[in-house]
Amino acid sequence: MAVYRCESCGAPLSSLNGVVVSVCEYCGTENRISDNATEFIQQEPTHIEENILISTVPCIGKTVFEKKNFVIYRTYAEVLDRKTNAVEMHIDFKDVAEYRKALIYDGAIKFKMKNGQKYIVNLYSMKNYQLAMNALNGLIKV
C-alpha cells in the first residue's frame, strides 16, 4: 500500500473513502482525491530534495515496550509506531529552526516548536542517539 503525502509539507495523509479533498492534519493544505474517491492521487513532490530519507532510528514511546521508529527526512522528522507505521509525531524543522531549540539529554532529544509545543524522542541507547545526531547534523541547530 502506497503512502500518500501532502503536496505542501510532505506529511502523510489520512485516507478516507468517499471524500474528494483531504486536508493535511499538519499544515492545513487541501489535497485533491481521485474522481472515483477510492484512493488518493499520488502527488509528485515539488522539491524532491526536501523529501529525501536521511535515516531511520529505533526509539521508544512512554515505556520501553512501545517500539517506535524516528524517521528523519531533509525538512521534517516523524515518530512512527513500528507495528502499524502510524505517525505519532510530526516535527517540521522550520518550526524548530524558528524557535532555534533542540535539547539533548539522557538519551533523548527534546524539540521546542515555535507554537510552544514540545516533542521528546527517547532513543534509549547511545548507538541510536549517535545515529540520530549524525542524521540531524546540519538539518537543525542542536
Protein backbone atom coordinates (compact mmCIF):
# COMPACT_ATOMS: atom_id res chain seq x y z
CA MET A 1 0.00 0.00 0.00
CA ALA A 2 1.42 3.38 -1.02
CA VAL A 3 1.70 6.18 1.49
CA TYR A 4 0.43 9.44 0.10
CA ARG A 5 1.96 12.71 1.24
CA CYS A 6 0.72 16.27 1.47
CA GLU A 7 1.75 18.20 -1.62
CA SER A 8 2.79 21.16 0.54
CA CYS A 9 4.65 19.82 3.61
CA GLY A 10 5.16 16.12 2.78
CA ALA A 11 3.32 14.81 5.87
CA PRO A 12 1.36 11.55 5.45
CA LEU A 13 -2.33 11.93 4.57
CA SER A 14 -5.19 10.08 6.21
CA SER A 15 -7.19 8.03 3.74
CA LEU A 16 -10.97 8.32 3.88
CA ASN A 17 -13.14 6.61 1.27
CA GLY A 18 -15.80 8.79 -0.32
CA VAL A 19 -14.03 12.15 0.15
CA VAL A 20 -12.96 14.46 -2.65
CA VAL A 21 -10.40 16.51 -0.71
CA SER A 22 -8.18 15.52 2.23
CA VAL A 23 -6.96 18.34 4.47
CA CYS A 24 -3.46 17.82 5.85
CA GLU A 25 -3.51 17.48 9.65
CA TYR A 26 -0.16 19.29 9.92
CA CYS A 27 -0.28 22.30 7.59
CA GLY A 28 -3.95 22.55 6.53
CA THR A 29 -3.31 22.18 2.78
CA GLU A 30 -6.19 20.71 0.78
CA ASN A 31 -5.07 17.68 -1.28
CA ARG A 32 -7.35 16.51 -4.13
CA ILE A 33 -8.52 12.90 -4.23
CA SER A 34 -9.17 10.86 -7.40
CA ASP A 35 -12.58 11.16 -9.11
CA ASN A 36 -13.72 7.69 -8.03
CA ALA A 37 -12.90 8.74 -4.43
CA THR A 38 -11.47 5.35 -3.50
CA GLU A 39 -7.81 6.26 -3.37
CA PHE A 40 -5.58 9.29 -3.33
CA ILE A 41 -3.99 10.79 -6.40
CA GLN A 42 -0.30 10.32 -5.83
CA GLN A 43 1.33 13.75 -5.89
CA GLU A 44 4.83 14.26 -7.22
CA PRO A 45 6.84 16.24 -4.67
CA THR A 46 7.52 19.82 -5.73
CA HIS A 47 11.01 19.79 -4.20
CA ILE A 48 12.38 16.27 -4.49
CA GLU A 49 15.47 17.08 -2.42
CA GLU A 50 13.22 18.03 0.54
CA ASN A 51 11.70 14.54 0.73
CA ILE A 52 14.90 12.51 0.83
CA LEU A 53 15.01 9.99 3.67
CA ILE A 54 18.08 10.63 5.80
CA SER A 55 17.80 7.94 8.48
CA THR A 56 15.51 5.64 10.44
CA VAL A 57 16.50 5.28 14.11
CA PRO A 58 14.80 2.92 16.60
CA CYS A 59 13.26 4.70 19.58
CA ILE A 60 10.64 4.09 22.27
CA GLY A 61 7.37 5.60 23.40
CA LYS A 62 6.41 6.30 27.00
CA THR A 63 7.66 2.84 28.04
CA VAL A 64 10.39 0.56 26.70
CA PHE A 65 7.66 -1.78 25.44
CA GLU A 66 6.35 0.81 22.97
CA LYS A 67 8.61 0.27 19.95
CA LYS A 68 8.85 3.24 17.57
CA ASN A 69 10.97 4.47 14.66
CA PHE A 70 12.35 8.01 14.47
CA VAL A 71 12.36 8.71 10.72
CA ILE A 72 14.39 11.72 9.64
CA TYR A 73 13.81 13.45 6.30
CA ARG A 74 15.53 16.56 4.99
CA THR A 75 12.80 19.02 6.13
CA TYR A 76 10.95 17.12 8.86
CA ALA A 77 11.03 14.07 11.12
CA GLU A 78 8.36 11.66 12.30
CA VAL A 79 7.94 9.11 15.05
CA LEU A 80 6.12 6.05 13.69
CA ASP A 81 4.66 3.07 15.51
CA ARG A 82 6.81 0.12 14.47
CA LYS A 83 3.88 -2.31 14.07
CA THR A 84 1.25 -0.14 12.37
CA ASN A 85 3.51 2.52 10.78
CA ALA A 86 1.07 5.14 12.13
CA VAL A 87 2.51 8.63 12.54
CA GLU A 88 2.56 9.61 16.21
CA MET A 89 4.66 12.80 15.93
CA HIS A 90 5.42 15.11 13.01
CA ILE A 91 8.29 17.55 13.62
CA ASP A 92 8.67 20.23 10.96
CA PHE A 93 12.25 21.51 11.06
CA LYS A 94 11.28 25.05 10.00
CA ASP A 95 9.17 25.31 13.19
CA VAL A 96 12.13 24.07 15.25
CA ALA A 97 14.55 26.37 13.42
CA GLU A 98 12.43 29.48 14.05
CA TYR A 99 12.50 28.73 17.78
CA ARG A 100 16.12 27.54 17.43
CA LYS A 101 15.93 24.84 20.06
CA ALA A 102 16.54 21.12 20.18
CA LEU A 103 17.87 19.96 23.53
CA ILE A 104 19.78 16.75 24.12
CA TYR A 105 19.67 14.96 27.47
CA ASP A 106 19.82 11.39 28.85
CA GLY A 107 19.46 9.62 25.50
CA ALA A 108 16.57 11.79 24.35
CA ILE A 109 16.09 14.77 22.04
CA LYS A 110 13.59 17.43 23.07
CA PHE A 111 12.30 19.65 20.24
CA LYS A 112 10.79 23.03 21.15
CA MET A 113 8.42 24.27 18.47
CA LYS A 114 7.51 27.88 17.66
CA ASN A 115 3.92 27.27 18.85
CA GLY A 116 5.23 26.30 22.31
CA GLN A 117 4.64 22.59 21.79
CA LYS A 118 7.40 20.19 22.86
CA TYR A 119 8.24 16.80 21.37
CA ILE A 120 10.50 14.30 23.11
CA VAL A 121 12.10 11.44 21.19
CA ASN A 122 13.51 8.75 23.53
CA LEU A 123 16.36 6.96 21.78
CA TYR A 124 17.19 4.62 24.73
CA SER A 125 20.74 3.76 23.65
CA MET A 126 23.97 5.62 22.89
CA LYS A 127 24.18 3.94 19.47
CA ASN A 128 20.69 5.20 18.49
CA TYR A 129 21.47 8.62 19.94
CA GLN A 130 24.63 8.86 17.76
CA LEU A 131 22.69 7.75 14.65
CA ALA A 132 20.07 10.43 15.24
CA MET A 133 22.61 13.17 15.95
CA ASN A 134 24.59 12.31 12.81
CA ALA A 135 21.42 12.48 10.72
CA LEU A 136 20.22 15.76 12.31
CA ASN A 137 23.64 17.42 11.94
CA GLY A 138 23.17 20.39 9.64
CA LEU A 139 19.38 19.99 9.40
CA ILE A 140 18.60 21.82 12.66
CA LYS A 141 20.55 23.71 15.29
CA VAL A 142 21.16 21.44 18.29
